[in-house]
Amino acid sequence: MENQRTQTKVAMNYGTLYGLAGVAIFLLFYFLGVDIESKLPQFLSYIVLCIFIITGIKSYRDEDLEGHISYGKSLWTGTLISFFGGIITAIFTVLFFKYIAPDMIQKILDTTQQNLEEKGMSEEQIEMTMNYTRKFMTPMWLFAFSVLGSAFMGLLFSLIISIFMRKEENPFNSNIG
């Protein structure tokens, strides 16, 4: 048998590709001037995440596990792909908000405050919410939320995808001498 890739290596490769694709999608919508509240970039990122989870699991199953993968191993592979992709996008997110568009954080805060006012919240509630929001818009928190958010979404998608990707080995089909 050839050198078998490890589950982590496969996940790192597909996660890196997913992370780079996520960055490209973000930059595309940013340079096109799409509104920061638009759900389209997020929706497209989820579709791309699912594509990379499916292709990563399929690659690992077919090329390294002789066409068989358990539900648990499939689930973990998909979650790892999104985790590693999340690291790439998290690094980009921090660099983007710190160096490329530092004014974007203020735009997000202004939009958040306007939305809270439109909901009819009191001044005290708005101020308290905005204080918490500002605390979480630091590079450390942006990084953590990006990685954890990506891994969580990958877990959710992988729970479903793994149902269809798993292929248990037939116990009656063993190669005994």
Foldseek 3Di string as FASTA:
>chain_A
DPDADDLLVLLLVLLQVLLVVLVVLVVVCVVVPPDPPDCVSVVVSLVSLLVSLLVSLQCNCVVHVVNADALVSSLVSLLSNLLSSLQSNLVVVLCCCVPVCVCVLVVVLVVVLVVCVVVVDDPVVSVVVSVVSVVCPHSVNSSVCSNVVSSVSSNVSSNVSSVVRHDHDDPVPDDDD
